[in-house]
Each structure stands twice: as C-alpha cells, then as structure tokens.
Amino acid sequence: MQMTEDRLREVTAAWGRADIEALMTFVAPDCVYSASVGPEPGETFTGKDAVRTGFLKLLAHDRDTVAEPGEIRMVGDWAVFRWGFRRAVGAGYQVVRGCDVFEFRDGLIVRKDSYRKTTP
C-alpha cells in the first residue's frame, strides 16, 4: 500500500477530530514524531506507543482551536502539509501556522516532523 493524498487527508481529518484510534492506524511501529512544542525545541517520540503519547499530548495542547484549511504537497514517500488554526485569547485570538513534514513506508507514517509559527 502507498500513502496517497486522500489517505493523508484522512490522517489530517482524524487529527482535527482528535481521533487517536484512527490516527494510530496510519503509524508504523518504528515511527518517529518530532512535535512542534516541548523542550528540544519540540519533543521527540520514538516507537508507536511513544508516538501515541506524543499525539495525545499535542492534541491536548491544541484543544479549543479552530482549524484553518491547509494544503498538501506529495513527492514519492514524502509530503508537506501546511496547516493553521486560531485560538481565542482574551478579547482577541492567536494565529498559529505550521507545517508537518512526513515520510512514509508501505503506506504508513515513519516520520512526522512538525513546525509552527505563532503570534502573540
């Protein structure tokens, strides 16, 4: 099986729903997830169980947000997904934009490296 843009859109839709069970069906056993927040900067999770923990951590971090549409660019076993969301802050909101760089093997995610930009 190969990762396709349609399958990757299923991944991003599952992320938007915070559907961890659906997300994990797309993750390889040896996946590496480098989150966009944490101490490194970011935090890295290696192996399917650790990636699950990392996904749950980031889903909790980004709760109460409104997603903005993103685009996907795929080349072979690599893809870039640009994303964004807004979060209410006081009387205004914070805009967050970012991208995920994916690597796939046999239709599964073997690496998800996330980057984000924020405004005050």
N, C-alpha and C. Protein backbone atom coordinates (compact mmCIF):
# COMPACT_ATOMS: atom_id res chain seq x y z
N MET A 1 0.85 -1.18 0.00
CA MET A 1 0.00 0.00 0.00
C MET A 1 0.89 1.24 0.00
N GLN A 2 0.42 2.28 -0.65
CA GLN A 2 1.17 3.53 -0.73
C GLN A 2 0.35 4.64 -0.07
N MET A 3 1.04 5.58 0.53
CA MET A 3 0.35 6.75 1.07
C MET A 3 -0.05 7.62 -0.12
N THR A 4 -1.29 8.04 -0.12
CA THR A 4 -1.80 8.93 -1.15
C THR A 4 -2.26 10.22 -0.49
N GLU A 5 -2.54 11.21 -1.32
CA GLU A 5 -3.05 12.47 -0.77
C GLU A 5 -4.39 12.25 -0.06
N ASP A 6 -5.24 11.40 -0.62
CA ASP A 6 -6.52 11.12 0.03
C ASP A 6 -6.33 10.47 1.39
N ARG A 7 -5.40 9.50 1.48
CA ARG A 7 -5.13 8.87 2.78
C ARG A 7 -4.54 9.87 3.77
N LEU A 8 -3.66 10.75 3.29
CA LEU A 8 -3.08 11.76 4.19
C LEU A 8 -4.16 12.74 4.65
N ARG A 9 -5.12 13.03 3.81
CA ARG A 9 -6.25 13.87 4.24
C ARG A 9 -7.06 13.16 5.33
N GLU A 10 -7.15 11.82 5.27
CA GLU A 10 -7.79 11.07 6.35
C GLU A 10 -7.02 11.25 7.66
N VAL A 11 -5.70 11.24 7.57
CA VAL A 11 -4.85 11.46 8.75
C VAL A 11 -5.14 12.85 9.34
N THR A 12 -5.13 13.86 8.49
CA THR A 12 -5.32 15.23 8.99
C THR A 12 -6.73 15.43 9.52
N ALA A 13 -7.72 14.76 8.92
CA ALA A 13 -9.09 14.84 9.43
C ALA A 13 -9.19 14.17 10.80
N ALA A 14 -8.52 13.03 10.96
CA ALA A 14 -8.52 12.35 12.26
C ALA A 14 -7.86 13.23 13.31
N TRP A 15 -6.78 13.92 12.94
CA TRP A 15 -6.12 14.85 13.87
C TRP A 15 -7.10 15.94 14.28
N GLY A 16 -7.80 16.50 13.31
CA GLY A 16 -8.77 17.56 13.59
C GLY A 16 -9.89 17.12 14.51
N ARG A 17 -10.24 15.83 14.46
CA ARG A 17 -11.27 15.28 15.36
C ARG A 17 -10.69 14.80 16.68
N ALA A 18 -9.37 14.83 16.80
CA ALA A 18 -8.66 14.27 17.96
C ALA A 18 -9.00 12.79 18.12
N ASP A 19 -9.08 12.08 16.99
CA ASP A 19 -9.43 10.66 16.97
C ASP A 19 -8.15 9.82 17.00
N ILE A 20 -7.65 9.57 18.21
CA ILE A 20 -6.38 8.89 18.37
C ILE A 20 -6.40 7.48 17.79
N GLU A 21 -7.50 6.78 17.91
CA GLU A 21 -7.56 5.42 17.37
C GLU A 21 -7.40 5.42 15.86
N ALA A 22 -8.07 6.33 15.17
CA ALA A 22 -7.93 6.43 13.71
C ALA A 22 -6.50 6.85 13.35
N LEU A 23 -5.94 7.82 14.06
CA LEU A 23 -4.58 8.28 13.79
C LEU A 23 -3.58 7.14 13.85
N MET A 24 -3.70 6.31 14.87
CA MET A 24 -2.70 5.27 15.09
C MET A 24 -2.73 4.19 14.01
N THR A 25 -3.82 4.08 13.25
CA THR A 25 -3.86 3.10 12.17
C THR A 25 -2.94 3.49 11.01
N PHE A 26 -2.49 4.73 10.98
CA PHE A 26 -1.61 5.22 9.93
C PHE A 26 -0.14 5.26 10.34
N VAL A 27 0.18 4.82 11.55
CA VAL A 27 1.52 4.97 12.12
C VAL A 27 2.28 3.64 12.09
N ALA A 28 3.51 3.67 11.57
CA ALA A 28 4.37 2.49 11.54
C ALA A 28 4.90 2.19 12.95
N PRO A 29 5.22 0.94 13.23
CA PRO A 29 5.72 0.57 14.56
C PRO A 29 6.98 1.33 14.98
N ASP A 30 7.82 1.71 14.02
CA ASP A 30 9.09 2.40 14.32
C ASP A 30 9.01 3.90 14.03
N CYS A 31 7.83 4.46 14.02
CA CYS A 31 7.63 5.88 13.71
C CYS A 31 8.38 6.78 14.69
N VAL A 32 8.82 7.93 14.17
CA VAL A 32 9.42 8.98 14.98
C VAL A 32 8.57 10.23 14.78
N TYR A 33 8.12 10.81 15.89
CA TYR A 33 7.32 12.03 15.85
C TYR A 33 8.07 13.12 16.58
N SER A 34 8.42 14.18 15.86
CA SER A 34 9.06 15.35 16.44
C SER A 34 8.02 16.45 16.52
N ALA A 35 7.54 16.71 17.73
CA ALA A 35 6.47 17.67 17.95
C ALA A 35 6.96 19.10 17.76
N SER A 36 6.02 20.00 17.60
CA SER A 36 6.35 21.41 17.39
C SER A 36 6.46 22.19 18.69
N VAL A 37 6.19 21.57 19.81
CA VAL A 37 6.37 22.21 21.12
C VAL A 37 7.07 21.23 22.04
N GLY A 38 7.72 21.78 23.07
CA GLY A 38 8.42 20.94 24.03
C GLY A 38 9.82 21.47 24.29
N PRO A 39 10.64 20.70 24.96
CA PRO A 39 11.92 21.19 25.47
C PRO A 39 13.09 21.21 24.49
N GLU A 40 13.03 20.65 23.28
CA GLU A 40 14.25 20.43 22.49
C GLU A 40 14.71 21.53 21.55
N PRO A 41 14.12 22.41 20.86
CA PRO A 41 12.69 22.73 20.92
C PRO A 41 11.89 21.61 20.29
N GLY A 42 10.70 21.51 20.77
CA GLY A 42 9.87 20.38 20.40
C GLY A 42 10.20 19.22 21.31
N GLU A 43 9.54 18.13 21.10
CA GLU A 43 9.80 16.92 21.86
C GLU A 43 9.69 15.76 20.89
N THR A 44 10.60 14.81 20.99
CA THR A 44 10.63 13.69 20.07
C THR A 44 10.15 12.42 20.74
N PHE A 45 9.31 11.68 20.02
CA PHE A 45 8.72 10.43 20.49
C PHE A 45 9.07 9.34 19.48
N THR A 46 9.62 8.24 19.93
CA THR A 46 10.08 7.18 19.05
C THR A 46 9.38 5.87 19.39
N GLY A 47 8.83 5.22 18.36
CA GLY A 47 8.08 3.98 18.54
C GLY A 47 6.60 4.28 18.66
N LYS A 48 5.78 3.33 18.24
CA LYS A 48 4.34 3.55 18.13
C LYS A 48 3.70 3.94 19.47
N ASP A 49 4.08 3.30 20.57
CA ASP A 49 3.49 3.63 21.87
C ASP A 49 3.86 5.05 22.29
N ALA A 50 5.13 5.42 22.10
CA ALA A 50 5.57 6.76 22.45
C ALA A 50 4.91 7.80 21.55
N VAL A 51 4.77 7.49 20.25
CA VAL A 51 4.11 8.41 19.32
C VAL A 51 2.67 8.65 19.74
N ARG A 52 1.99 7.60 20.17
CA ARG A 52 0.62 7.76 20.67
C ARG A 52 0.59 8.76 21.84
N THR A 53 1.53 8.61 22.76
CA THR A 53 1.63 9.53 23.90
C THR A 53 1.87 10.96 23.41
N GLY A 54 2.77 11.10 22.44
CA GLY A 54 3.07 12.43 21.89
C GLY A 54 1.88 13.05 21.19
N PHE A 55 1.17 12.24 20.40
CA PHE A 55 -0.03 12.75 19.73
C PHE A 55 -1.05 13.22 20.76
N LEU A 56 -1.29 12.42 21.79
CA LEU A 56 -2.26 12.81 22.82
C LEU A 56 -1.84 14.10 23.52
N LYS A 57 -0.55 14.23 23.77
CA LYS A 57 -0.02 15.43 24.42
C LYS A 57 -0.27 16.68 23.57
N LEU A 58 -0.01 16.58 22.27
CA LEU A 58 -0.21 17.75 21.39
C LEU A 58 -1.67 18.03 21.14
N LEU A 59 -2.48 16.99 21.04
CA LEU A 59 -3.92 17.20 20.87
C LEU A 59 -4.49 17.95 22.08
N ALA A 60 -4.01 17.62 23.27
CA ALA A 60 -4.45 18.33 24.47
C ALA A 60 -3.93 19.77 24.47
N HIS A 61 -2.69 19.96 24.03
CA HIS A 61 -2.09 21.29 23.98
C HIS A 61 -2.86 22.22 23.05
N ASP A 62 -3.37 21.67 21.95
CA ASP A 62 -4.03 22.49 20.93
C ASP A 62 -5.55 22.40 20.97
N ARG A 63 -6.10 21.94 22.08
CA ARG A 63 -7.57 21.86 22.18
C ARG A 63 -8.15 23.28 22.14
N ASP A 64 -9.43 23.37 21.93
CA ASP A 64 -10.11 24.67 21.88
C ASP A 64 -9.56 25.57 20.78
N THR A 65 -9.29 24.99 19.63
CA THR A 65 -8.81 25.78 18.49
C THR A 65 -9.78 25.61 17.32
N VAL A 66 -9.68 26.53 16.37
CA VAL A 66 -10.46 26.47 15.15
C VAL A 66 -9.48 26.27 13.99
N ALA A 67 -9.59 25.14 13.31
CA ALA A 67 -8.66 24.81 12.23
C ALA A 67 -8.90 25.69 11.01
N GLU A 68 -7.82 25.98 10.30
CA GLU A 68 -7.88 26.67 9.03
C GLU A 68 -7.39 25.71 7.96
N PRO A 69 -7.98 25.75 6.77
CA PRO A 69 -7.61 24.79 5.72
C PRO A 69 -6.13 24.83 5.39
N GLY A 70 -5.60 23.68 5.05
CA GLY A 70 -4.19 23.57 4.68
C GLY A 70 -4.04 22.87 3.35
N GLU A 71 -2.84 22.89 2.83
CA GLU A 71 -2.59 22.22 1.56
C GLU A 71 -1.54 21.14 1.75
N ILE A 72 -1.56 20.16 0.86
CA ILE A 72 -0.64 19.03 0.89
C ILE A 72 0.15 19.01 -0.40
N ARG A 73 1.45 18.76 -0.28
CA ARG A 73 2.33 18.55 -1.43
C ARG A 73 3.04 17.22 -1.19
N MET A 74 2.85 16.28 -2.14
CA MET A 74 3.46 14.96 -2.00
C MET A 74 4.46 14.72 -3.12
N VAL A 75 5.58 14.08 -2.76
CA VAL A 75 6.58 13.65 -3.72
C VAL A 75 7.08 12.29 -3.26
N GLY A 76 6.70 11.25 -3.96
CA GLY A 76 7.12 9.90 -3.58
C GLY A 76 6.65 9.56 -2.17
N ASP A 77 7.59 9.18 -1.33
CA ASP A 77 7.30 8.81 0.06
C ASP A 77 7.43 9.97 1.03
N TRP A 78 7.34 11.19 0.53
CA TRP A 78 7.45 12.39 1.37
C TRP A 78 6.24 13.29 1.12
N ALA A 79 5.87 14.06 2.14
CA ALA A 79 4.80 15.04 1.97
C ALA A 79 5.02 16.20 2.94
N VAL A 80 4.53 17.35 2.54
CA VAL A 80 4.47 18.52 3.41
C VAL A 80 3.00 18.92 3.50
N PHE A 81 2.55 19.10 4.72
CA PHE A 81 1.18 19.54 4.96
C PHE A 81 1.25 20.87 5.70
N ARG A 82 0.73 21.94 5.05
CA ARG A 82 0.67 23.25 5.71
C ARG A 82 -0.67 23.35 6.43
N TRP A 83 -0.63 23.83 7.67
CA TRP A 83 -1.84 23.91 8.48
C TRP A 83 -1.85 25.20 9.27
N GLY A 84 -2.99 25.47 9.86
CA GLY A 84 -3.12 26.64 10.72
C GLY A 84 -4.35 26.49 11.60
N PHE A 85 -4.38 27.30 12.65
CA PHE A 85 -5.57 27.37 13.49
C PHE A 85 -5.56 28.67 14.27
N ARG A 86 -6.73 28.98 14.82
CA ARG A 86 -6.89 30.16 15.68
C ARG A 86 -7.33 29.69 17.05
N ARG A 87 -6.86 30.42 18.06
CA ARG A 87 -7.22 30.12 19.43
C ARG A 87 -7.64 31.44 20.09
N ALA A 88 -8.80 31.43 20.77
CA ALA A 88 -9.26 32.63 21.48
C ALA A 88 -8.29 32.94 22.61
N VAL A 89 -7.92 34.22 22.69
CA VAL A 89 -7.04 34.70 23.76
C VAL A 89 -7.60 36.04 24.21
N GLY A 90 -8.16 36.08 25.41
CA GLY A 90 -8.77 37.30 25.91
C GLY A 90 -9.86 37.78 24.97
N ALA A 91 -9.78 39.05 24.58
CA ALA A 91 -10.78 39.62 23.67
C ALA A 91 -10.43 39.36 22.20
N GLY A 92 -9.25 38.79 21.95
CA GLY A 92 -8.83 38.55 20.57
C GLY A 92 -8.57 37.08 20.32
N TYR A 93 -7.60 36.83 19.45
CA TYR A 93 -7.24 35.45 19.16
C TYR A 93 -5.78 35.37 18.76
N GLN A 94 -5.23 34.18 18.87
CA GLN A 94 -3.86 33.89 18.47
C GLN A 94 -3.92 33.09 17.17
N VAL A 95 -3.09 33.44 16.22
CA VAL A 95 -3.00 32.69 14.98
C VAL A 95 -1.76 31.81 15.06
N VAL A 96 -1.94 30.56 14.71
CA VAL A 96 -0.82 29.62 14.67
C VAL A 96 -0.79 29.03 13.27
N ARG A 97 0.38 29.08 12.64
CA ARG A 97 0.58 28.46 11.34
C ARG A 97 1.73 27.48 11.46
N GLY A 98 1.68 26.44 10.67
CA GLY A 98 2.77 25.48 10.72
C GLY A 98 2.74 24.53 9.56
N CYS A 99 3.65 23.59 9.62
CA CYS A 99 3.68 22.53 8.62
C CYS A 99 4.22 21.26 9.25
N ASP A 100 3.82 20.16 8.67
CA ASP A 100 4.33 18.85 9.05
C ASP A 100 5.05 18.29 7.84
N VAL A 101 6.23 17.74 8.06
CA VAL A 101 6.97 17.03 7.02
C VAL A 101 6.84 15.55 7.35
N PHE A 102 6.26 14.81 6.43
CA PHE A 102 6.01 13.38 6.63
C PHE A 102 6.94 12.54 5.77
N GLU A 103 7.32 11.38 6.29
CA GLU A 103 7.97 10.34 5.50
C GLU A 103 7.15 9.07 5.68
N PHE A 104 6.97 8.32 4.59
CA PHE A 104 6.12 7.13 4.61
C PHE A 104 6.90 5.89 4.16
N ARG A 105 6.42 4.76 4.61
CA ARG A 105 6.91 3.46 4.13
C ARG A 105 5.71 2.52 4.12
N ASP A 106 5.47 1.87 3.01
CA ASP A 106 4.37 0.92 2.89
C ASP A 106 3.03 1.53 3.31
N GLY A 107 2.82 2.80 2.99
CA GLY A 107 1.56 3.47 3.28
C GLY A 107 1.38 3.92 4.71
N LEU A 108 2.44 3.81 5.52
CA LEU A 108 2.36 4.23 6.93
C LEU A 108 3.35 5.36 7.20
N ILE A 109 3.05 6.14 8.23
CA ILE A 109 3.92 7.25 8.62
C ILE A 109 5.10 6.69 9.41
N VAL A 110 6.32 6.96 8.93
CA VAL A 110 7.51 6.57 9.67
C VAL A 110 8.19 7.77 10.31
N ARG A 111 7.81 8.97 9.85
CA ARG A 111 8.33 10.19 10.48
C ARG A 111 7.32 11.30 10.28
N LYS A 112 7.06 12.04 11.36
CA LYS A 112 6.22 13.23 11.32
C LYS A 112 6.98 14.31 12.07
N ASP A 113 7.47 15.30 11.35
CA ASP A 113 8.28 16.36 11.93
C ASP A 113 7.48 17.66 11.81
N SER A 114 7.09 18.24 12.94
CA SER A 114 6.17 19.39 12.95
C SER A 114 6.89 20.69 13.29
N TYR A 115 6.46 21.76 12.64
CA TYR A 115 7.00 23.10 12.86
C TYR A 115 5.84 24.06 12.98
N ARG A 116 5.97 25.09 13.83
CA ARG A 116 4.90 26.08 13.97
C ARG A 116 5.44 27.48 14.17
N LYS A 117 4.60 28.44 13.73
CA LYS A 117 4.84 29.87 13.95
C LYS A 117 3.62 30.40 14.69
N THR A 118 3.85 31.28 15.63
CA THR A 118 2.75 31.83 16.39
C THR A 118 2.85 33.35 16.45
N THR A 119 1.73 33.98 16.76
CA THR A 119 1.71 35.41 17.01
C THR A 119 1.34 35.61 18.48
N PRO A 120 1.72 36.75 19.05
CA PRO A 120 1.37 36.96 20.47
C PRO A 120 -0.14 37.12 20.66
